[in-house]
Each structure stands twice: as structure tokens, then as C-alpha cells.
């Protein structure tokens, strides 16, 4: 059974960078589309980026375009989210999620309901 574990979160100053990791166990991530989501206190969970099954398509929320980059390392069975030029409004718990359908992440939006398997999240806090 697929299990996802996020890591790499922390406290960073405004303008800083972090690299979040989503490590999978149980099955190969190459068989899944992977999405990154975030949820700030009192707000709904929102999609920030995703990569399709096989890696041919990526999508980003408008709020993070040019600052966040999603990538995958199949040898490590890990998907990364490089987050740069961080702002206080990026503060949230960041989750990765996976879905086995080929159609997932072929076009925006990055829907929470489109992803079946979820990790536990990693906290990112950006200080001003």
C-alpha cells in the first residue's frame, strides 16, 4: 500500500527557500501523479503544484508560479517541491498526495478531490 511521508519544512525568513520532499514507500511513484497542497490556519486546503503520472505535465497555482518548482527523482522514489522567495502568506502545512489516474494533473486546477492518497504534512512557517 502506498505511503507518503513529507519532510523539509521549517521556519524560514521572508525571501528564503526550502526544499520539501515527498518520499513514497510501498509502490513506485512513477505510477502516480503527485500533487503538493497547503493549508493555512482557518483556510481551505489548496493545490499549489502537481506532476502527472510519468512526469510529462506539471501545473502550478498562479500564486506560486515562478517561485515553486516540482521535480521527481524516480531512483529515490521521491518528489520534491523547491519553494523560493517565500512570503509570510506561504505559511501553511504542506501536504503531498498521489493518484494513479493518467488524467490527473494534465490540466489545471489542482483539485484536492482528484488525489486519493495523502501524507501527514510538513509545517512551513515564513517570518516577516
Foldseek 3Di string as FASTA:
>chain_A
DKAWAKDWADEEAQQAKIKIKIAIPDDFQLQKKKWKWWDDPPGDIATAKIAARNRPAMDGDPVQPPFWDWDDDRVRSMIMIIGGSDDQVVWTWMKMFIDRDRPQRPDDDNDPVRGDGIHDTDTHGYHD
